[in-house]
Protein backbone atom coordinates (compact mmCIF):
# COMPACT_ATOMS: atom_id res chain seq x y z
CA MET A 1 0.00 0.00 0.00
CA SER A 2 1.23 3.51 -0.83
CA SER A 3 2.70 5.36 2.16
CA THR A 4 -0.17 7.84 1.74
CA PHE A 5 -2.72 5.09 2.44
CA SER A 6 -2.89 2.54 5.21
CA PHE A 7 -5.47 0.50 7.09
CA GLN A 8 -5.21 -0.22 10.80
CA CYS A 9 -7.45 -2.79 12.49
CA LEU A 10 -8.13 -1.70 16.07
CA ALA A 11 -10.40 -4.51 17.29
CA CYS A 12 -12.01 -7.74 16.14
CA CYS A 13 -15.26 -9.29 17.32
CA SER A 14 -14.70 -12.51 19.27
CA GLN A 15 -17.85 -14.14 17.82
CA THR A 16 -17.79 -13.01 14.16
CA LYS A 17 -15.33 -11.64 11.60
CA ALA A 18 -16.44 -8.06 12.31
CA ARG A 19 -13.66 -5.54 12.83
CA ALA A 20 -13.22 -1.87 13.72
CA GLY A 21 -10.43 0.06 12.08
CA VAL A 22 -9.10 3.26 10.56
CA PHE A 23 -8.44 3.85 6.86
CA PHE A 24 -5.88 6.63 6.35
CA THR A 25 -6.10 8.73 3.15
CA PRO A 26 -4.48 11.98 1.93
CA HIS A 27 -7.65 13.91 2.85
CA GLY A 28 -8.19 12.43 6.29
CA ILE A 29 -9.26 9.25 8.04
CA VAL A 30 -12.26 6.99 7.64
CA GLU A 31 -13.30 5.20 10.83
CA THR A 32 -14.60 1.77 9.89
CA PRO A 33 -17.08 0.24 9.56
CA ARG A 34 -18.63 3.27 7.87
CA PHE A 35 -21.46 4.17 5.55
CA MET A 36 -20.43 6.51 2.69
CA PRO A 37 -22.98 8.90 1.11
CA VAL A 38 -23.22 9.03 -2.68
CA GLY A 39 -22.66 12.33 -4.48
CA THR A 40 -22.95 11.07 -8.06
CA LEU A 41 -22.48 14.42 -9.85
CA ALA A 42 -20.09 15.97 -7.31
CA ASN A 43 -22.90 16.74 -4.88
CA VAL A 44 -24.99 14.74 -2.44
CA LYS A 45 -28.43 15.69 -3.68
CA THR A 46 -30.06 18.69 -1.92
CA LEU A 47 -27.21 19.05 0.64
CA THR A 48 -24.40 21.58 0.97
CA PRO A 49 -20.95 20.26 1.98
CA ALA A 50 -21.45 21.91 5.41
CA GLN A 51 -24.73 20.03 5.90
CA LEU A 52 -23.07 16.83 4.71
CA LYS A 53 -20.26 17.20 7.23
CA GLU A 54 -22.84 17.59 10.02
CA THR A 55 -24.27 14.14 9.18
CA GLY A 56 -20.97 12.57 10.23
CA ALA A 57 -19.90 11.80 6.66
CA GLN A 58 -16.19 11.09 6.26
CA MET A 59 -15.74 9.59 2.78
CA VAL A 60 -18.06 10.62 -0.07
CA LEU A 61 -18.55 9.02 -3.50
CA SER A 62 -18.82 10.50 -6.98
CA ASN A 63 -19.26 8.75 -10.30
CA THR A 64 -16.79 8.71 -13.20
CA TYR A 65 -19.37 7.94 -15.89
CA HIS A 66 -21.72 10.77 -14.93
CA LEU A 67 -18.96 13.34 -14.38
CA HIS A 68 -17.38 12.43 -17.72
CA LEU A 69 -20.70 13.16 -19.46
CA GLN A 70 -21.41 16.31 -17.42
CA PRO A 71 -19.51 18.61 -16.90
CA GLY A 72 -16.50 16.62 -18.17
CA GLU A 73 -13.32 15.81 -16.26
CA GLY A 74 -11.50 18.74 -17.88
CA ILE A 75 -13.81 21.24 -16.23
CA VAL A 76 -13.47 19.48 -12.86
CA ALA A 77 -9.66 19.65 -13.24
CA GLY A 78 -9.93 23.31 -14.20
CA GLY A 79 -11.81 23.88 -10.95
CA GLY A 80 -8.90 22.47 -8.96
CA GLY A 81 -9.90 18.79 -8.92
CA LEU A 82 -12.94 17.06 -7.48
CA HIS A 83 -12.43 18.09 -3.83
CA LYS A 84 -12.03 21.80 -4.56
CA PHE A 85 -14.63 21.81 -7.34
CA MET A 86 -17.39 20.53 -5.01
CA GLY A 87 -16.10 22.11 -1.79
CA TRP A 88 -15.50 18.85 0.09
CA ASN A 89 -12.15 18.55 1.88
CA GLY A 90 -12.63 15.04 3.24
CA PRO A 91 -11.80 11.68 1.64
CA MET A 92 -13.46 10.86 -1.69
CA LEU A 93 -13.96 7.79 -3.88
CA THR A 94 -14.93 7.61 -7.54
CA ASP A 95 -16.68 4.59 -9.02
CA SER A 96 -15.24 3.52 -12.37
CA GLY A 97 -18.49 3.93 -14.30
CA GLY A 98 -18.65 0.23 -15.08
CA PHE A 99 -21.96 -0.39 -13.31
CA GLN A 100 -23.64 2.55 -15.06
CA VAL A 101 -22.35 1.56 -18.50
CA PHE A 102 -23.50 -2.03 -18.07
CA SER A 103 -26.95 -0.86 -17.01
CA LEU A 104 -27.29 0.67 -20.50
CA SER A 105 -28.04 -2.80 -21.88
CA GLU A 106 -29.79 -1.53 -25.01
CA MET A 107 -27.20 1.13 -25.77
CA ARG A 108 -23.81 -0.55 -25.36
CA LYS A 109 -21.51 -3.18 -26.85
CA ILE A 110 -18.89 -5.07 -24.82
CA THR A 111 -15.57 -6.04 -26.41
CA GLU A 112 -12.26 -7.14 -24.94
CA ASP A 113 -11.05 -3.56 -25.43
CA GLY A 114 -13.85 -2.01 -23.35
CA VAL A 115 -17.42 -0.83 -23.78
CA VAL A 116 -18.78 1.26 -26.63
CA PHE A 117 -22.00 3.08 -25.81
CA ARG A 118 -24.14 5.95 -26.97
CA SER A 119 -24.27 8.91 -24.61
CA PRO A 120 -27.79 9.33 -23.22
CA HIS A 121 -27.08 13.09 -23.16
CA ASP A 122 -26.29 13.85 -26.80
CA GLY A 123 -26.13 10.52 -28.64
CA GLN A 124 -22.35 10.70 -29.06
CA ILE A 125 -20.52 7.37 -29.35
CA ILE A 126 -18.19 6.87 -26.38
CA ASN A 127 -15.55 4.14 -26.00
CA LEU A 128 -14.85 3.55 -22.32
CA THR A 129 -11.86 1.28 -21.75
CA PRO A 130 -10.04 0.38 -18.53
CA GLU A 131 -7.30 2.82 -19.49
CA ARG A 132 -9.77 5.63 -20.23
CA SER A 133 -11.67 5.06 -16.96
CA ILE A 134 -8.43 5.29 -14.99
CA GLU A 135 -7.31 8.35 -16.97
CA ILE A 136 -10.59 10.13 -16.16
CA GLN A 137 -10.34 9.15 -12.48
CA ASN A 138 -6.70 10.33 -12.33
CA ILE A 139 -7.86 13.69 -13.68
CA LEU A 140 -10.83 13.92 -11.26
CA GLY A 141 -8.48 13.33 -8.33
CA ALA A 142 -10.45 11.35 -5.73
CA ASP A 143 -8.47 9.59 -2.98
CA VAL A 144 -9.78 6.13 -3.92
CA ILE A 145 -10.44 5.10 -7.52
CA MET A 146 -12.11 1.90 -8.69
CA ALA A 147 -11.00 -0.53 -11.36
CA PHE A 148 -13.16 -0.74 -14.49
CA ASP A 149 -15.11 -3.99 -14.23
CA GLU A 150 -17.82 -5.93 -16.02
CA CYS A 151 -20.87 -6.19 -13.80
CA PRO A 152 -23.00 -9.17 -14.93
CA PRO A 153 -26.76 -8.83 -14.47
CA TYR A 154 -28.93 -11.00 -12.24
CA PRO A 155 -29.96 -13.52 -13.30
CA ALA A 156 -27.15 -14.59 -15.66
CA THR A 157 -25.89 -18.00 -16.78
CA ARG A 158 -22.74 -19.43 -15.28
CA GLN A 159 -21.04 -19.15 -18.67
CA GLU A 160 -21.88 -15.43 -18.86
CA VAL A 161 -20.64 -14.80 -15.33
CA GLU A 162 -17.43 -16.79 -15.91
CA ALA A 163 -16.67 -14.66 -18.96
CA ALA A 164 -17.42 -11.40 -17.14
CA THR A 165 -15.32 -12.39 -14.11
CA ALA A 166 -12.33 -13.37 -16.27
CA ARG A 167 -12.61 -10.13 -18.26
CA THR A 168 -12.84 -8.10 -15.04
CA TYR A 169 -9.49 -9.57 -13.97
CA ARG A 170 -7.85 -8.82 -17.31
CA TRP A 171 -9.23 -5.29 -17.21
CA LEU A 172 -7.91 -4.86 -13.65
CA GLN A 173 -4.41 -5.73 -14.84
CA ARG A 174 -4.74 -3.03 -17.49
CA CYS A 175 -6.02 -0.55 -14.88
CA ILE A 176 -2.95 -1.19 -12.72
CA VAL A 177 -0.64 -0.42 -15.65
CA ALA A 178 -2.61 2.71 -16.60
CA HIS A 179 -2.78 4.16 -13.07
CA GLN A 180 -0.45 7.18 -12.83
CA ARG A 181 -0.95 8.82 -9.40
CA SER A 182 0.62 7.66 -6.15
CA ASP A 183 -1.76 9.88 -4.15
CA GLN A 184 -4.72 7.78 -5.33
CA ALA A 185 -5.45 4.23 -4.17
CA LEU A 186 -6.72 1.83 -6.85
CA PHE A 187 -9.19 -0.74 -5.48
CA GLY A 188 -9.91 -3.98 -7.35
CA ILE A 189 -13.45 -5.36 -7.58
CA VAL A 190 -14.41 -8.99 -6.97
CA GLN A 191 -17.08 -10.21 -9.37
CA GLY A 192 -18.53 -13.70 -9.81
CA GLY A 193 -22.30 -13.27 -9.65
CA VAL A 194 -24.08 -15.69 -7.33
CA TYR A 195 -21.56 -18.48 -8.02
CA LEU A 196 -19.59 -18.80 -4.80
CA ASP A 197 -16.73 -20.76 -6.35
CA LEU A 198 -16.23 -18.01 -8.96
CA ARG A 199 -16.32 -15.41 -6.20
CA SER A 200 -13.70 -17.34 -4.20
CA GLN A 201 -11.41 -17.77 -7.21
CA ALA A 202 -11.68 -14.07 -8.06
CA ALA A 203 -11.00 -12.99 -4.46
CA VAL A 204 -7.88 -15.16 -4.21
CA ALA A 205 -6.58 -13.94 -7.59
CA LEU A 206 -7.14 -10.27 -6.68
CA ALA A 207 -5.57 -10.68 -3.23
CA GLU A 208 -2.34 -11.80 -4.89
CA LEU A 209 -2.08 -8.43 -6.67
CA ASP A 210 -1.54 -6.65 -3.31
CA LEU A 211 -3.78 -3.66 -4.05
CA PRO A 212 -4.44 -0.85 -1.51
CA GLY A 213 -8.04 -2.04 -1.04
CA TYR A 214 -10.72 -4.36 -2.34
CA ALA A 215 -14.40 -4.16 -3.19
CA ILE A 216 -17.12 -6.74 -3.67
CA GLY A 217 -19.22 -5.67 -6.64
CA GLY A 218 -22.10 -7.04 -8.64
CA VAL A 219 -24.40 -7.46 -5.63
CA SER A 220 -27.63 -5.58 -4.95
CA VAL A 221 -28.55 -5.94 -8.63
CA GLY A 222 -31.75 -7.87 -7.97
CA GLU A 223 -30.74 -10.90 -5.91
CA PRO A 224 -32.60 -11.79 -2.70
CA PRO A 225 -30.88 -10.68 0.54
CA GLU A 226 -29.99 -14.27 1.43
CA LEU A 227 -27.86 -14.58 -1.70
CA ILE A 228 -26.09 -11.29 -1.01
CA ALA A 229 -25.28 -12.53 2.50
CA ASN A 230 -23.92 -15.83 1.10
CA ILE A 231 -21.75 -13.99 -1.43
CA VAL A 232 -20.25 -11.70 1.19
CA GLN A 233 -19.69 -14.51 3.70
CA ALA A 234 -17.86 -16.56 1.06
CA THR A 235 -15.78 -13.70 -0.32
CA ALA A 236 -14.78 -11.20 2.38
CA PRO A 237 -12.64 -13.56 4.51
CA LEU A 238 -10.48 -14.33 1.45
CA LEU A 239 -9.46 -10.68 1.04
CA PRO A 240 -6.27 -9.41 2.72
CA PRO A 241 -6.87 -8.59 6.41
CA ASP A 242 -4.59 -5.53 6.29
CA LYS A 243 -6.56 -3.77 3.54
CA PRO A 244 -10.00 -2.09 3.60
CA ARG A 245 -12.95 -4.07 2.21
CA TYR A 246 -15.81 -2.26 0.50
CA LEU A 247 -19.25 -3.70 -0.32
CA MET A 248 -20.64 -1.70 -3.22
CA GLY A 249 -24.25 -0.52 -3.42
CA VAL A 250 -25.47 -1.81 -0.06
CA GLY A 251 -26.95 0.39 2.66
CA THR A 252 -29.81 -1.11 4.67
CA TYR A 253 -29.37 -1.83 8.38
CA ARG A 254 -29.64 -5.61 8.00
CA GLU A 255 -27.43 -5.93 4.92
CA MET A 256 -24.73 -3.78 6.49
CA ALA A 257 -24.81 -5.61 9.85
CA ILE A 258 -24.56 -9.03 8.18
CA ALA A 259 -21.73 -7.83 5.92
CA ILE A 260 -19.85 -6.29 8.86
CA ALA A 261 -20.09 -9.67 10.61
CA SER A 262 -18.23 -11.10 7.58
CA GLY A 263 -15.47 -8.50 7.80
CA ILE A 264 -16.68 -5.66 5.51
CA ASP A 265 -15.52 -2.12 6.36
CA LEU A 266 -17.15 0.30 3.89
CA PHE A 267 -20.57 0.72 2.29
CA ASP A 268 -22.31 3.06 -0.10
CA CYS A 269 -25.88 3.36 -1.33
CA VAL A 270 -28.18 6.00 -2.84
CA ILE A 271 -31.20 5.06 -0.70
CA PRO A 272 -30.94 7.80 1.96
CA THR A 273 -31.25 10.60 -0.61
CA ARG A 274 -33.41 8.71 -3.11
CA TRP A 275 -35.95 7.81 -0.46
CA ALA A 276 -35.83 11.37 0.88
CA ARG A 277 -36.90 12.65 -2.55
CA HIS A 278 -39.89 10.31 -2.30
CA GLY A 279 -40.90 11.61 1.15
CA THR A 280 -39.50 8.60 3.00
CA ALA A 281 -37.58 8.67 6.28
CA ILE A 282 -35.37 5.90 7.67
CA VAL A 283 -36.11 5.59 11.39
CA LEU A 284 -34.30 2.90 13.39
CA GLY A 285 -34.04 0.82 10.23
CA ASP A 286 -37.70 1.14 9.20
CA ARG A 287 -39.10 3.07 6.23
CA TRP A 288 -41.65 5.77 7.03
CA ASN A 289 -43.74 7.39 4.32
CA LEU A 290 -44.29 10.94 5.59
CA LYS A 291 -47.34 11.32 3.32
CA ASN A 292 -49.26 8.97 5.61
CA ALA A 293 -52.15 10.64 7.42
CA LYS A 294 -50.87 9.57 10.84
CA PHE A 295 -48.01 12.06 10.58
CA ARG A 296 -50.13 15.15 9.80
CA GLU A 297 -50.65 16.05 13.45
CA ASP A 298 -47.66 14.29 14.98
CA PHE A 299 -45.53 17.03 16.56
CA THR A 300 -42.70 14.80 17.77
CA PRO A 301 -39.34 14.54 15.94
CA LEU A 302 -38.66 11.69 13.53
CA ASP A 303 -36.38 10.12 16.14
CA GLU A 304 -36.02 11.61 19.62
CA THR A 305 -32.64 9.87 20.02
CA CYS A 306 -31.20 11.38 16.82
CA ALA A 307 -28.92 14.43 17.10
CA CYS A 308 -29.28 15.49 13.44
CA TYR A 309 -30.42 19.02 12.55
CA THR A 310 -33.77 17.72 11.30
CA CYS A 311 -34.68 15.83 14.46
CA GLN A 312 -33.46 18.60 16.74
CA ASN A 313 -35.55 21.32 15.06
CA PHE A 314 -38.60 19.94 13.24
CA SER A 315 -41.62 17.73 13.81
CA ARG A 316 -43.02 14.86 11.79
CA ALA A 317 -46.06 17.06 11.11
CA TYR A 318 -43.93 19.84 9.63
CA ILE A 319 -41.94 17.47 7.41
CA SER A 320 -45.19 15.77 6.33
CA HIS A 321 -46.55 19.20 5.38
CA LEU A 322 -43.40 19.96 3.33
CA VAL A 323 -43.58 16.59 1.57
CA ARG A 324 -47.25 17.02 0.72
CA SER A 325 -46.49 20.53 -0.56
CA GLN A 326 -43.52 19.23 -2.60
CA GLU A 327 -41.25 21.78 -0.96
CA ILE A 328 -37.53 21.28 -1.66
CA LEU A 329 -36.80 21.75 2.06
CA ALA A 330 -38.54 18.41 2.67
CA TYR A 331 -35.94 16.58 0.60
CA THR A 332 -33.09 18.41 2.34
CA LEU A 333 -34.36 17.70 5.85
CA LEU A 334 -35.07 14.03 5.06
CA SER A 335 -31.68 13.61 3.37
CA ILE A 336 -29.91 15.09 6.39
CA HIS A 337 -31.73 12.68 8.70
CA ASN A 338 -31.46 9.57 6.49
CA ILE A 339 -27.72 9.95 5.90
CA THR A 340 -27.13 10.65 9.60
CA GLU A 341 -29.22 7.58 10.44
CA LEU A 342 -27.13 5.18 8.34
CA ILE A 343 -23.80 6.66 9.40
CA ARG A 344 -24.89 6.59 13.04
CA PHE A 345 -25.85 2.92 12.68
CA THR A 346 -22.34 2.03 11.46
CA GLN A 347 -20.80 4.23 14.19
CA LYS A 348 -22.77 2.35 16.86
CA ILE A 349 -21.63 -0.96 15.41
CA ARG A 350 -18.03 0.29 15.49
CA GLU A 351 -18.36 1.21 19.17
CA ALA A 352 -19.88 -2.21 19.89
CA ILE A 353 -17.01 -4.01 18.12
CA LEU A 354 -14.45 -1.97 20.08
CA GLY A 355 -16.19 -3.14 23.27
CA ASP A 356 -16.80 -6.69 21.92
CA ARG A 357 -20.58 -6.27 22.25
CA PHE A 358 -21.46 -6.57 18.55
CA THR A 359 -23.34 -9.87 18.58
CA THR A 360 -25.35 -9.02 21.69
CA GLU A 361 -26.30 -5.44 20.76
CA PHE A 362 -26.99 -6.13 17.07
CA ALA A 363 -28.34 -9.69 17.16
CA HIS A 364 -31.69 -8.46 15.75
CA TRP A 365 -30.00 -7.40 12.50
CA LEU A 366 -27.74 -10.42 11.98
CA THR A 367 -30.20 -12.72 10.21
CA PRO A 368 -31.21 -12.20 6.56
CA GLY A 369 -34.66 -10.72 6.10
CA LYS A 370 -36.58 -7.87 4.57
CA MET A 371 -35.62 -4.20 4.48
CA GLY A 372 -34.04 -2.90 7.63
């Protein structure tokens, strides 16, 4: 690992593979396990960086594919790089764009070289290769950058997943060669679909490359929670113990708790802001639709135990009124609370691991089930 980056494990759970640690980056530390908010287009929707900091956010994500299309990496570089451009001085991570490109199933063509697709913005033909993805991410300047990978859909045949997993490895080798900045950590991504033997083979192969960190990708693309849990349990322990482990696209209480029990350190998901824009609050792991009549005259905070700005200053009735009126402030207040809620959940788990109380305090969340 580059001298700029390191991971220190501070405590391990005596009953599970859960661990509490610190990931050191050029822009500060990330205390793990930790939920990371998603700021796809160099902003976490409806929040200012000051509001985002108040949620307890440490590392924030942006997306290579979307920033390449708008405004373009050249403009971000002209603005001083991603951190300065968006006014966030903490750690940042950029996704490679692979997931977004592969979701354009009707508009793209996969070759060994990369992916050719038509821009949904202006119809322009774009050729995104591993080298080009890394070049864009080097220009954007996030602390952690992700390898360009092929994310197979669910369901997919074993033959399709085998081909995608093998190509992901070959593309990773090209990403390593293309990567030019020592102040950025390149994470590899374990693919393999729902086939646990393919996941295991990929994890072992990637671990041998001695990268600064590792991610498990290609989950949360439609599989039932039980399968996600099986994938993580089979894969995470095979990744190097002295490097951070990141589970991509997962952010519910239960999924995070189960993954942490398998040794995962980092999570990201769009649900706190996406649900906020639909008038939904996350309260102690449950989803609350603030349009429901029962909230119209409820003058208590969303969560009396929550220290976020929203819960300290506003009632359920007021937020329900804003949601019903389609006021933008509703989406801001709900985003502040929802992001705080998920970060606070991972902070509480961290404290429990440090005190070796994880399995007793979070037993409720450690079995696969529905949302929560």
